[in-house]
């Protein structure tokens, strides 16, 4: 698969920790067409600041890991910030119709908005994302 894709925070963590689905992510990353957002990168760092982890992942180590995996870190431009309205509207519409509400983090919303403005597929693990109907956005579950 050579499609350009954006990894969400759960995908980055799964790849780093070699959790279920990491092989799929590795194959995708090996195409050299993958990236993540600067915001998802920060969420990844935050996840590794858990007090149960003896040695937190430093920003430099995380950046080197992503570079070794051929995953670039994209800035979050103003154009993508404006596209968050499309994502927020899709979440609201979906939640009005569903009994189980979907709740996305700032990193999730911004990553989908970046996908809109860069025409990249979104790689994620949370199956609730599949229920979002956002024109022009392709969602790829890795688990």
N, C-alpha and C. Protein backbone atom coordinates (compact mmCIF):
# COMPACT_ATOMS: atom_id res chain seq x y z
N UNK A 1 0.85 -1.18 0.00
CA UNK A 1 0.00 0.00 0.00
C UNK A 1 0.89 1.23 0.00
N UNK A 2 0.76 2.08 -1.01
CA UNK A 2 1.63 3.24 -1.09
C UNK A 2 0.88 4.55 -0.85
N UNK A 3 -0.32 4.46 -0.36
CA UNK A 3 -1.13 5.64 -0.08
C UNK A 3 -0.49 6.48 1.03
N UNK A 4 -0.56 7.79 0.87
CA UNK A 4 -0.07 8.67 1.93
C UNK A 4 -1.02 8.57 3.12
N UNK A 5 -0.45 8.46 4.31
CA UNK A 5 -1.28 8.25 5.50
C UNK A 5 -0.75 9.05 6.68
N UNK A 6 -1.67 9.32 7.60
CA UNK A 6 -1.34 9.98 8.86
C UNK A 6 -1.61 9.00 9.99
N UNK A 7 -0.64 8.77 10.86
CA UNK A 7 -0.80 7.89 12.01
C UNK A 7 -1.33 8.69 13.19
N UNK A 8 -2.38 8.15 13.83
CA UNK A 8 -2.85 8.79 15.06
C UNK A 8 -1.95 8.36 16.21
N UNK A 9 -2.22 8.91 17.38
CA UNK A 9 -1.38 8.63 18.55
C UNK A 9 -1.37 7.14 18.89
N UNK A 10 -2.52 6.49 18.82
CA UNK A 10 -2.58 5.06 19.15
C UNK A 10 -1.73 4.23 18.18
N UNK A 11 -1.67 4.64 16.93
CA UNK A 11 -0.83 3.94 15.95
C UNK A 11 0.65 4.12 16.28
N UNK A 12 1.03 5.33 16.66
CA UNK A 12 2.43 5.58 17.02
C UNK A 12 2.84 4.74 18.23
N UNK A 13 1.97 4.70 19.23
CA UNK A 13 2.27 3.93 20.44
C UNK A 13 2.32 2.44 20.13
N UNK A 14 1.37 1.96 19.34
CA UNK A 14 1.35 0.53 18.99
C UNK A 14 2.62 0.14 18.23
N UNK A 15 3.06 0.98 17.33
CA UNK A 15 4.28 0.70 16.59
C UNK A 15 5.49 0.69 17.51
N UNK A 16 5.56 1.66 18.40
CA UNK A 16 6.70 1.75 19.33
C UNK A 16 6.74 0.55 20.28
N UNK A 17 5.59 0.21 20.84
CA UNK A 17 5.52 -0.87 21.83
C UNK A 17 5.33 -2.25 21.21
N UNK A 18 5.20 -2.30 19.89
CA UNK A 18 4.93 -3.55 19.17
C UNK A 18 3.68 -4.25 19.70
N UNK A 19 2.64 -3.43 19.83
CA UNK A 19 1.34 -3.95 20.26
C UNK A 19 0.60 -4.53 19.06
N UNK A 20 -0.52 -5.17 19.35
CA UNK A 20 -1.32 -5.79 18.29
C UNK A 20 -1.52 -4.82 17.13
N UNK A 21 -1.23 -5.29 15.92
CA UNK A 21 -1.37 -4.48 14.72
C UNK A 21 -0.11 -3.76 14.30
N UNK A 22 0.96 -3.87 15.08
CA UNK A 22 2.17 -3.12 14.75
C UNK A 22 2.79 -3.54 13.42
N UNK A 23 2.65 -4.82 13.05
CA UNK A 23 3.23 -5.28 11.79
C UNK A 23 2.56 -4.58 10.60
N UNK A 24 1.25 -4.40 10.68
CA UNK A 24 0.53 -3.67 9.63
C UNK A 24 1.04 -2.25 9.52
N UNK A 25 1.25 -1.62 10.66
CA UNK A 25 1.77 -0.25 10.69
C UNK A 25 3.18 -0.18 10.11
N UNK A 26 4.00 -1.16 10.41
CA UNK A 26 5.38 -1.20 9.92
C UNK A 26 5.40 -1.31 8.40
N UNK A 27 4.54 -2.16 7.85
CA UNK A 27 4.46 -2.30 6.39
C UNK A 27 4.06 -0.97 5.76
N UNK A 28 3.09 -0.32 6.36
CA UNK A 28 2.63 0.97 5.85
C UNK A 28 3.73 2.02 5.96
N UNK A 29 4.41 2.06 7.09
CA UNK A 29 5.48 3.03 7.30
C UNK A 29 6.64 2.80 6.34
N UNK A 30 6.91 1.56 6.02
CA UNK A 30 8.03 1.23 5.12
C UNK A 30 7.85 1.78 3.71
N UNK A 31 6.63 2.21 3.37
CA UNK A 31 6.41 2.81 2.05
C UNK A 31 7.06 4.20 1.97
N UNK A 32 7.34 4.79 3.14
CA UNK A 32 7.91 6.13 3.16
C UNK A 32 6.89 7.23 2.92
N UNK A 33 5.62 6.88 2.92
CA UNK A 33 4.55 7.86 2.66
C UNK A 33 3.73 8.18 3.89
N UNK A 34 4.29 7.98 5.07
CA UNK A 34 3.52 8.17 6.30
C UNK A 34 4.05 9.34 7.11
N UNK A 35 3.12 9.90 7.86
CA UNK A 35 3.45 11.04 8.72
C UNK A 35 2.53 11.00 9.93
N UNK A 36 2.75 11.92 10.83
CA UNK A 36 1.84 12.18 11.94
C UNK A 36 1.82 13.69 12.13
N UNK A 37 0.94 14.15 12.97
CA UNK A 37 0.90 15.59 13.23
C UNK A 37 1.77 15.92 14.44
N UNK A 38 2.19 17.16 14.51
CA UNK A 38 2.96 17.61 15.67
C UNK A 38 2.14 17.43 16.94
N UNK A 39 0.82 17.57 16.84
CA UNK A 39 -0.04 17.41 18.02
C UNK A 39 -0.11 15.96 18.45
N UNK A 40 -0.21 15.02 17.50
CA UNK A 40 -0.20 13.60 17.84
C UNK A 40 1.15 13.21 18.44
N UNK A 41 2.22 13.82 17.95
CA UNK A 41 3.55 13.58 18.51
C UNK A 41 3.59 13.97 19.98
N UNK A 42 3.01 15.12 20.31
CA UNK A 42 2.96 15.57 21.70
C UNK A 42 2.11 14.61 22.54
N UNK A 43 0.98 14.15 21.99
CA UNK A 43 0.16 13.17 22.72
C UNK A 43 0.93 11.89 22.98
N UNK A 44 1.76 11.47 22.03
CA UNK A 44 2.58 10.27 22.22
C UNK A 44 3.56 10.49 23.37
N UNK A 45 4.22 11.63 23.39
CA UNK A 45 5.15 11.94 24.48
C UNK A 45 4.42 11.94 25.82
N UNK A 46 3.23 12.51 25.84
CA UNK A 46 2.44 12.56 27.07
C UNK A 46 2.10 11.16 27.55
N UNK A 47 1.75 10.27 26.62
CA UNK A 47 1.41 8.90 26.99
C UNK A 47 2.59 8.19 27.64
N UNK A 48 3.80 8.54 27.22
CA UNK A 48 4.98 7.91 27.80
C UNK A 48 5.48 8.61 29.06
N UNK A 49 4.72 9.57 29.56
CA UNK A 49 5.04 10.22 30.84
C UNK A 49 4.27 9.58 31.99
N UNK A 50 3.65 8.48 31.72
CA UNK A 50 2.89 7.74 32.72
C UNK A 50 3.83 7.37 33.87
N UNK A 51 3.41 7.57 35.11
CA UNK A 51 4.29 7.27 36.26
C UNK A 51 4.68 5.79 36.35
N UNK A 52 3.92 4.90 35.72
CA UNK A 52 4.25 3.47 35.76
C UNK A 52 5.43 3.12 34.86
N UNK A 53 5.81 4.05 33.98
CA UNK A 53 6.93 3.80 33.07
C UNK A 53 8.20 4.30 33.74
N UNK A 54 9.17 3.42 33.86
CA UNK A 54 10.42 3.77 34.56
C UNK A 54 11.19 4.87 33.85
N UNK A 55 11.30 4.78 32.55
CA UNK A 55 12.08 5.76 31.80
C UNK A 55 11.19 6.37 30.72
N UNK A 56 10.74 7.60 30.92
CA UNK A 56 9.88 8.24 29.91
C UNK A 56 10.62 8.39 28.58
N UNK A 57 9.88 8.36 27.52
CA UNK A 57 10.42 8.57 26.18
C UNK A 57 10.70 10.06 26.01
N UNK A 58 11.92 10.41 25.67
CA UNK A 58 12.24 11.82 25.45
C UNK A 58 11.81 12.23 24.05
N UNK A 59 11.67 13.53 23.86
CA UNK A 59 11.27 14.04 22.55
C UNK A 59 12.29 13.68 21.49
N UNK A 60 13.57 13.75 21.83
CA UNK A 60 14.63 13.40 20.87
C UNK A 60 14.56 11.92 20.51
N UNK A 61 14.41 11.05 21.51
CA UNK A 61 14.30 9.61 21.24
C UNK A 61 13.08 9.30 20.39
N UNK A 62 11.96 9.95 20.68
CA UNK A 62 10.73 9.72 19.92
C UNK A 62 10.91 10.19 18.47
N UNK A 63 11.54 11.33 18.30
CA UNK A 63 11.78 11.84 16.95
C UNK A 63 12.68 10.89 16.17
N UNK A 64 13.74 10.40 16.81
CA UNK A 64 14.64 9.45 16.15
C UNK A 64 13.92 8.15 15.80
N UNK A 65 13.06 7.69 16.69
CA UNK A 65 12.29 6.48 16.42
C UNK A 65 11.42 6.68 15.18
N UNK A 66 10.71 7.79 15.12
CA UNK A 66 9.85 8.05 13.97
C UNK A 66 10.65 8.20 12.68
N UNK A 67 11.80 8.85 12.76
CA UNK A 67 12.65 8.98 11.58
C UNK A 67 13.12 7.60 11.10
N UNK A 68 13.47 6.72 12.03
CA UNK A 68 13.90 5.37 11.67
C UNK A 68 12.76 4.58 11.02
N UNK A 69 11.54 4.92 11.38
CA UNK A 69 10.36 4.25 10.81
C UNK A 69 9.88 4.95 9.53
N UNK A 70 10.56 6.00 9.12
CA UNK A 70 10.20 6.79 7.94
C UNK A 70 8.86 7.50 8.10
N UNK A 71 8.58 7.94 9.33
CA UNK A 71 7.36 8.68 9.63
C UNK A 71 7.75 10.13 9.94
N UNK A 72 7.27 11.04 9.12
CA UNK A 72 7.60 12.44 9.34
C UNK A 72 6.57 13.09 10.27
N UNK A 73 6.96 14.21 10.85
CA UNK A 73 6.08 14.98 11.73
C UNK A 73 5.70 16.25 10.99
N UNK A 74 4.39 16.40 10.76
CA UNK A 74 3.90 17.56 10.02
C UNK A 74 3.41 18.65 10.97
N UNK A 75 3.70 19.89 10.61
CA UNK A 75 3.17 21.02 11.35
C UNK A 75 1.66 21.06 11.20
N UNK A 76 1.01 21.80 12.08
CA UNK A 76 -0.44 21.96 12.01
C UNK A 76 -0.73 23.38 11.53
N UNK A 77 -0.98 23.55 10.24
CA UNK A 77 -1.15 24.89 9.69
C UNK A 77 -2.54 25.48 9.94
N UNK A 78 -2.66 26.77 9.71
CA UNK A 78 -3.92 27.48 9.91
C UNK A 78 -5.04 26.87 9.06
N UNK A 79 -4.72 26.45 7.85
CA UNK A 79 -5.71 25.84 6.97
C UNK A 79 -6.34 24.61 7.63
N UNK A 80 -5.52 23.82 8.30
CA UNK A 80 -6.04 22.64 9.00
C UNK A 80 -6.85 23.05 10.22
N UNK A 81 -6.41 24.10 10.90
CA UNK A 81 -7.17 24.59 12.05
C UNK A 81 -8.58 24.99 11.62
N UNK A 82 -8.69 25.59 10.48
CA UNK A 82 -10.01 25.98 9.97
C UNK A 82 -10.83 24.75 9.59
N UNK A 83 -10.19 23.69 9.15
CA UNK A 83 -10.88 22.46 8.75
C UNK A 83 -11.43 21.68 9.94
N UNK A 84 -11.01 22.03 11.16
CA UNK A 84 -11.54 21.33 12.33
C UNK A 84 -13.04 21.50 12.44
N UNK A 85 -13.57 22.57 11.89
CA UNK A 85 -15.02 22.78 11.92
C UNK A 85 -15.75 21.63 11.23
N UNK A 86 -15.21 21.16 10.12
CA UNK A 86 -15.81 20.04 9.39
C UNK A 86 -15.82 18.79 10.28
N UNK A 87 -14.73 18.56 10.97
CA UNK A 87 -14.62 17.38 11.85
C UNK A 87 -15.59 17.50 13.02
N UNK A 88 -15.61 18.66 13.65
CA UNK A 88 -16.51 18.86 14.79
C UNK A 88 -17.98 18.72 14.40
N UNK A 89 -18.32 19.20 13.22
CA UNK A 89 -19.70 19.05 12.73
C UNK A 89 -20.03 17.58 12.49
N UNK A 90 -19.09 16.83 11.94
CA UNK A 90 -19.31 15.40 11.69
C UNK A 90 -19.51 14.66 13.01
N UNK A 91 -18.74 15.01 14.03
CA UNK A 91 -18.88 14.38 15.35
C UNK A 91 -20.26 14.71 15.93
N UNK A 92 -20.65 15.97 15.86
CA UNK A 92 -21.95 16.38 16.38
C UNK A 92 -23.08 15.63 15.67
N UNK A 93 -23.03 15.57 14.35
CA UNK A 93 -24.08 14.88 13.58
C UNK A 93 -24.13 13.40 13.92
N UNK A 94 -22.97 12.79 14.04
CA UNK A 94 -22.90 11.37 14.38
C UNK A 94 -23.47 11.12 15.77
N UNK A 95 -23.11 11.98 16.73
CA UNK A 95 -23.58 11.81 18.11
C UNK A 95 -25.08 12.04 18.25
N UNK A 96 -25.65 12.87 17.40
CA UNK A 96 -27.10 13.10 17.45
C UNK A 96 -27.87 11.86 17.03
N UNK A 97 -27.26 11.03 16.19
CA UNK A 97 -27.92 9.84 15.66
C UNK A 97 -27.60 8.57 16.44
N UNK A 98 -26.58 8.59 17.26
CA UNK A 98 -26.10 7.38 17.91
C UNK A 98 -26.46 7.34 19.40
N UNK A 99 -26.61 6.14 19.90
CA UNK A 99 -26.84 5.99 21.34
C UNK A 99 -25.51 6.06 22.10
N UNK A 100 -24.45 5.57 21.48
CA UNK A 100 -23.12 5.64 22.09
C UNK A 100 -22.36 6.80 21.47
N UNK A 101 -22.00 7.76 22.30
CA UNK A 101 -21.36 8.97 21.82
C UNK A 101 -19.88 8.73 21.55
N UNK A 102 -19.38 9.44 20.56
CA UNK A 102 -17.94 9.39 20.26
C UNK A 102 -17.32 10.66 20.84
N UNK A 103 -16.16 10.52 21.45
CA UNK A 103 -15.47 11.64 22.05
C UNK A 103 -14.03 11.60 21.58
N UNK A 104 -13.64 12.56 20.76
CA UNK A 104 -12.28 12.59 20.23
C UNK A 104 -11.45 13.65 20.95
N UNK A 105 -10.19 13.35 21.12
CA UNK A 105 -9.27 14.30 21.76
C UNK A 105 -8.93 15.42 20.78
N UNK A 106 -8.28 16.44 21.30
CA UNK A 106 -7.80 17.53 20.45
C UNK A 106 -6.87 16.97 19.38
N UNK A 107 -6.01 16.04 19.77
CA UNK A 107 -5.10 15.43 18.81
C UNK A 107 -5.82 14.69 17.72
N UNK A 108 -6.90 13.97 18.09
CA UNK A 108 -7.70 13.24 17.10
C UNK A 108 -8.35 14.19 16.09
N UNK A 109 -9.01 15.21 16.62
CA UNK A 109 -9.71 16.17 15.76
C UNK A 109 -8.71 16.87 14.83
N UNK A 110 -7.59 17.28 15.39
CA UNK A 110 -6.61 17.99 14.56
C UNK A 110 -5.98 17.07 13.51
N UNK A 111 -5.80 15.81 13.85
CA UNK A 111 -5.22 14.87 12.88
C UNK A 111 -6.18 14.65 11.70
N UNK A 112 -7.46 14.50 11.99
CA UNK A 112 -8.44 14.33 10.92
C UNK A 112 -8.51 15.58 10.06
N UNK A 113 -8.46 16.75 10.69
CA UNK A 113 -8.46 18.01 9.94
C UNK A 113 -7.21 18.10 9.05
N UNK A 114 -6.07 17.67 9.56
CA UNK A 114 -4.85 17.65 8.75
C UNK A 114 -5.01 16.68 7.58
N UNK A 115 -5.70 15.58 7.82
CA UNK A 115 -5.98 14.64 6.74
C UNK A 115 -6.83 15.26 5.65
N UNK A 116 -7.77 16.09 6.05
CA UNK A 116 -8.62 16.79 5.08
C UNK A 116 -7.77 17.70 4.19
N UNK A 117 -6.91 18.48 4.81
CA UNK A 117 -6.14 19.49 4.05
C UNK A 117 -4.96 18.91 3.30
N UNK A 118 -4.51 17.71 3.67
CA UNK A 118 -3.37 17.09 2.97
C UNK A 118 -3.78 15.92 2.10
N UNK A 119 -5.08 15.59 2.13
CA UNK A 119 -5.62 14.45 1.36
C UNK A 119 -4.93 13.13 1.72
N UNK A 120 -4.65 12.96 3.00
CA UNK A 120 -4.03 11.73 3.48
C UNK A 120 -5.06 10.89 4.23
N UNK A 121 -4.92 9.57 4.14
CA UNK A 121 -5.76 8.66 4.91
C UNK A 121 -5.36 8.75 6.37
N UNK A 122 -6.31 8.47 7.26
CA UNK A 122 -6.06 8.49 8.70
C UNK A 122 -5.96 7.05 9.18
N UNK A 123 -4.86 6.71 9.86
CA UNK A 123 -4.64 5.37 10.40
C UNK A 123 -4.89 5.43 11.90
N UNK A 124 -5.82 4.60 12.38
CA UNK A 124 -6.28 4.70 13.76
C UNK A 124 -6.62 3.32 14.30
N UNK A 125 -6.88 3.24 15.61
CA UNK A 125 -7.28 1.97 16.22
C UNK A 125 -8.69 1.99 16.78
N UNK A 126 -9.23 3.16 17.08
CA UNK A 126 -10.54 3.27 17.71
C UNK A 126 -11.64 3.06 16.66
N UNK A 127 -12.34 1.95 16.74
CA UNK A 127 -13.37 1.60 15.75
C UNK A 127 -14.49 2.63 15.68
N UNK A 128 -14.67 3.44 16.70
CA UNK A 128 -15.72 4.47 16.68
C UNK A 128 -15.46 5.47 15.55
N UNK A 129 -14.20 5.65 15.17
CA UNK A 129 -13.87 6.58 14.10
C UNK A 129 -14.52 6.17 12.79
N UNK A 130 -14.72 4.86 12.60
CA UNK A 130 -15.29 4.36 11.34
C UNK A 130 -16.70 4.90 11.12
N UNK A 131 -17.37 5.28 12.18
CA UNK A 131 -18.74 5.78 12.05
C UNK A 131 -18.80 7.26 11.67
N UNK A 132 -17.67 7.91 11.58
CA UNK A 132 -17.66 9.31 11.17
C UNK A 132 -17.78 9.40 9.65
N UNK A 133 -18.65 10.24 9.19
CA UNK A 133 -18.84 10.44 7.76
C UNK A 133 -18.31 11.82 7.40
N UNK A 134 -17.05 11.83 6.94
CA UNK A 134 -16.41 13.09 6.59
C UNK A 134 -16.01 12.99 5.12
N UNK A 135 -16.65 13.78 4.26
CA UNK A 135 -16.35 13.71 2.84
C UNK A 135 -14.86 13.90 2.55
N UNK A 136 -14.33 13.02 1.72
CA UNK A 136 -12.94 13.13 1.31
C UNK A 136 -11.93 12.56 2.28
N UNK A 137 -12.37 12.01 3.40
CA UNK A 137 -11.43 11.46 4.38
C UNK A 137 -11.55 9.94 4.40
N UNK A 138 -10.44 9.27 4.17
CA UNK A 138 -10.40 7.82 4.22
C UNK A 138 -9.85 7.40 5.57
N UNK A 139 -10.58 6.54 6.25
CA UNK A 139 -10.18 6.04 7.57
C UNK A 139 -9.70 4.60 7.44
N UNK A 140 -8.53 4.31 8.00
CA UNK A 140 -7.95 2.97 7.94
C UNK A 140 -7.69 2.45 9.35
N UNK A 141 -8.47 1.45 9.77
CA UNK A 141 -8.24 0.83 11.08
C UNK A 141 -7.10 -0.15 10.95
N UNK A 142 -6.15 -0.13 11.89
CA UNK A 142 -5.04 -1.07 11.82
C UNK A 142 -5.21 -2.28 12.73
N UNK A 143 -6.25 -2.31 13.53
CA UNK A 143 -6.53 -3.48 14.39
C UNK A 143 -7.87 -4.05 14.02
